[in-house]
Protein backbone atom coordinates (compact mmCIF):
# COMPACT_ATOMS: atom_id res chain seq x y z
CA MET A 1 0.00 0.00 0.00
CA ALA A 2 1.31 3.47 -0.89
CA LEU A 3 2.34 6.03 1.71
CA ASP A 4 -0.63 8.30 1.01
CA ARG A 5 -3.02 5.45 1.75
CA TRP A 6 -1.26 4.63 5.01
CA ILE A 7 -1.57 8.27 6.04
CA ALA A 8 -5.24 8.21 5.03
CA LEU A 9 -5.75 5.10 7.15
CA VAL A 10 -4.21 6.81 10.19
CA LEU A 11 -6.29 9.95 9.59
CA LEU A 12 -9.41 7.81 9.19
CA SER A 13 -8.84 6.20 12.57
CA ILE A 14 -8.25 9.62 14.18
CA CYS A 15 -11.42 11.03 12.57
CA LEU A 16 -13.45 8.02 13.67
CA ALA A 17 -12.27 8.42 17.28
CA TYR A 18 -12.93 12.18 17.11
CA GLY A 19 -16.36 11.53 15.59
CA TYR A 20 -17.24 9.00 18.26
CA THR A 21 -16.36 11.56 20.90
CA ALA A 22 -18.36 14.28 19.15
CA TRP A 23 -21.45 12.16 18.46
CA PHE A 24 -21.72 10.11 21.65
CA THR A 25 -19.87 11.67 24.57
CA MET A 26 -19.91 15.46 24.13
CA ASP A 27 -23.68 15.95 24.20
CA SER A 28 -24.35 13.94 27.33
CA GLY A 29 -23.17 16.71 29.64
CA LEU A 30 -25.19 19.53 28.11
CA ALA A 31 -27.41 21.64 30.30
CA PRO A 32 -31.16 21.19 29.65
CA PHE A 33 -31.57 24.70 28.21
CA MET A 34 -28.77 24.09 25.69
CA LYS A 35 -30.45 20.97 24.30
CA ARG A 36 -33.06 23.18 22.61
CA ASN A 37 -30.44 25.21 20.73
CA PRO A 38 -30.14 24.55 17.00
CA ILE A 39 -26.33 24.52 17.18
CA TRP A 40 -24.62 22.68 19.99
CA PRO A 41 -20.97 22.82 21.04
CA SER A 42 -20.50 19.49 19.29
CA THR A 43 -21.85 20.63 15.91
CA PHE A 44 -18.51 21.75 14.46
CA PRO A 45 -16.63 18.65 15.67
CA LYS A 46 -19.36 16.47 14.12
CA VAL A 47 -18.99 18.23 10.76
CA LEU A 48 -15.18 18.04 10.93
CA SER A 49 -15.21 14.34 11.73
CA ALA A 50 -17.67 13.55 8.94
CA LEU A 51 -15.64 15.53 6.39
CA GLY A 52 -12.44 13.91 7.62
CA VAL A 53 -13.92 10.42 7.26
CA ILE A 54 -15.15 11.22 3.74
CA ALA A 55 -11.80 12.69 2.64
CA SER A 56 -9.84 9.80 4.17
CA CYS A 57 -12.06 7.23 2.46
CA ILE A 58 -11.64 8.99 -0.88
CA ILE A 59 -7.87 8.77 -0.56
CA LEU A 60 -7.92 5.27 0.93
CA PHE A 61 -10.01 3.85 -1.92
CA GLY A 62 -8.05 5.78 -4.56
CA LEU A 63 -11.05 7.70 -5.92
CA GLU A 64 -9.05 10.93 -6.30
CA LYS A 65 -6.56 9.45 -8.75
CA SER A 66 -7.17 9.62 -12.46
CA ALA A 67 -6.23 6.86 -14.92
CA GLU A 68 -3.12 8.64 -16.24
CA GLN A 69 -1.86 9.63 -12.79
CA THR A 70 0.43 6.83 -11.66
CA ALA A 71 3.13 8.63 -9.68
CA GLU A 72 3.02 7.76 -5.99
CA ILE A 73 4.96 9.04 -3.02
CA ASP A 74 8.18 7.11 -2.64
CA TYR A 75 8.88 6.86 1.07
CA ARG A 76 12.48 5.86 0.35
CA ARG A 77 13.11 9.30 -1.21
CA LEU A 78 11.47 11.57 1.37
CA GLY A 79 14.37 14.01 1.09
CA ASP A 80 13.15 15.01 -2.36
CA TYR A 81 9.81 16.25 -0.99
CA HIS A 82 10.86 19.43 0.85
CA LEU A 83 10.98 17.64 4.19
CA GLY A 84 12.80 20.58 5.78
CA GLN A 85 9.90 22.94 5.07
CA ALA A 86 7.41 20.47 6.52
CA LEU A 87 9.43 20.01 9.70
CA LEU A 88 9.90 23.76 10.06
CA LEU A 89 6.15 24.27 9.70
CA LEU A 90 5.48 21.63 12.35
CA ALA A 91 7.95 23.30 14.70
CA LEU A 92 6.32 26.65 13.95
CA MET A 93 2.90 25.21 14.84
CA VAL A 94 4.20 23.95 18.17
CA GLY A 95 5.82 27.32 18.84
CA TYR A 96 2.57 29.09 17.96
CA ALA A 97 0.61 26.94 20.39
CA LEU A 98 3.14 27.64 23.14
CA CYS A 99 3.18 31.40 22.46
CA LEU A 100 -0.58 32.01 22.40
CA ARG A 101 -0.97 32.77 26.11
CA PRO A 102 2.24 34.61 26.95
CA VAL A 103 2.54 36.61 23.72
CA GLY A 104 -1.14 37.15 23.01
CA PHE A 105 -3.31 36.16 20.06
CA LEU A 106 -2.60 39.08 17.74
CA LEU A 107 1.19 38.97 17.90
CA SER A 108 1.51 35.18 17.88
CA THR A 109 -0.99 34.71 15.04
CA ALA A 110 0.51 37.47 12.90
CA GLY A 111 3.98 36.06 13.56
CA PHE A 112 2.83 32.54 12.71
CA LEU A 113 1.26 33.65 9.43
CA PHE A 114 4.28 35.78 8.51
CA LEU A 115 6.87 33.11 9.32
CA GLY A 116 4.74 30.36 7.76
CA GLY A 117 4.50 32.33 4.53
CA ALA A 118 8.23 32.97 4.59
CA ILE A 119 8.97 29.27 5.11
CA LEU A 120 6.71 28.36 2.20
CA GLY A 121 8.63 30.70 -0.08
CA GLU A 122 6.86 34.06 -0.15
CA ARG A 123 9.50 36.76 -0.64
CA LYS A 124 7.29 39.85 -0.89
CA TRP A 125 7.51 40.61 2.82
CA TYR A 126 6.05 44.08 2.36
CA ILE A 127 2.81 42.37 1.30
CA LEU A 128 3.04 39.41 3.68
CA MET A 129 3.38 41.51 6.83
CA PRO A 130 0.20 43.62 6.50
CA VAL A 131 -1.80 40.63 5.23
CA ALA A 132 -0.75 38.57 8.26
CA ALA A 133 -1.55 41.44 10.64
CA CYS A 134 -4.96 42.08 9.03
CA ALA A 135 -5.85 38.38 9.03
CA ALA A 136 -4.91 38.04 12.71
CA PHE A 137 -6.95 41.11 13.62
CA ILE A 138 -10.00 39.99 11.63
CA VAL A 139 -9.98 36.53 13.22
CA TRP A 140 -9.52 38.04 16.69
CA TYR A 141 -12.35 40.52 16.07
CA LEU A 142 -14.72 37.81 14.87
CA VAL A 143 -13.97 35.50 17.77
CA GLN A 144 -13.89 38.23 20.43
CA GLN A 145 -16.66 40.58 19.36
CA VAL A 146 -18.99 38.48 17.20
CA LEU A 147 -18.80 35.14 19.00
CA GLY A 148 -18.12 36.64 22.43
CA ILE A 149 -15.20 34.35 23.28
CA TYR A 150 -12.47 36.19 25.17
CA MET A 151 -8.99 35.85 23.72
CA ARG A 152 -6.08 37.83 25.13
CA PRO A 153 -5.09 40.04 22.21
CA LEU A 154 -1.75 41.32 23.54
CA PRO A 155 0.87 40.14 26.03
CA GLY A 156 -0.02 40.45 29.70
CA PHE A 157 2.84 42.81 30.45
CA TRP A 158 1.33 45.36 28.05
CA GLY A 159 -1.72 45.58 30.27
CA ALA A 160 -4.04 43.54 28.07
């Protein structure tokens, strides 16, 4: 079995476990007044798990491949697939998760988007910087003001 199908099998098992949690265990602890809401806290995880199962099955059964597409990922030549960029992005994601509380959402998200774009090869930094800052601010505004979920926008030592 090809490497992409093994990865799809692992993702399928993760999505099934996530879906089981979303469908059967998350809703049992809801307050009675929340059970009448049209959207529950488990709605988004249910949708994510269903989409993940569908996408994993498509890859697992090979439905996304056309007849003339025969090239598969060769796991013996992983060095040819920009492995350094992938590992740097994974390290950046871990750093982003660790920086969210102490650095604040705006700075850590803008930094993550800027550095992620730079790792992926974007060299127009004069465009990347304002786009990353605007995207971080828009996401923070939507989560904070529209959804009403508090997220610390700036570091604590700045008085936020």
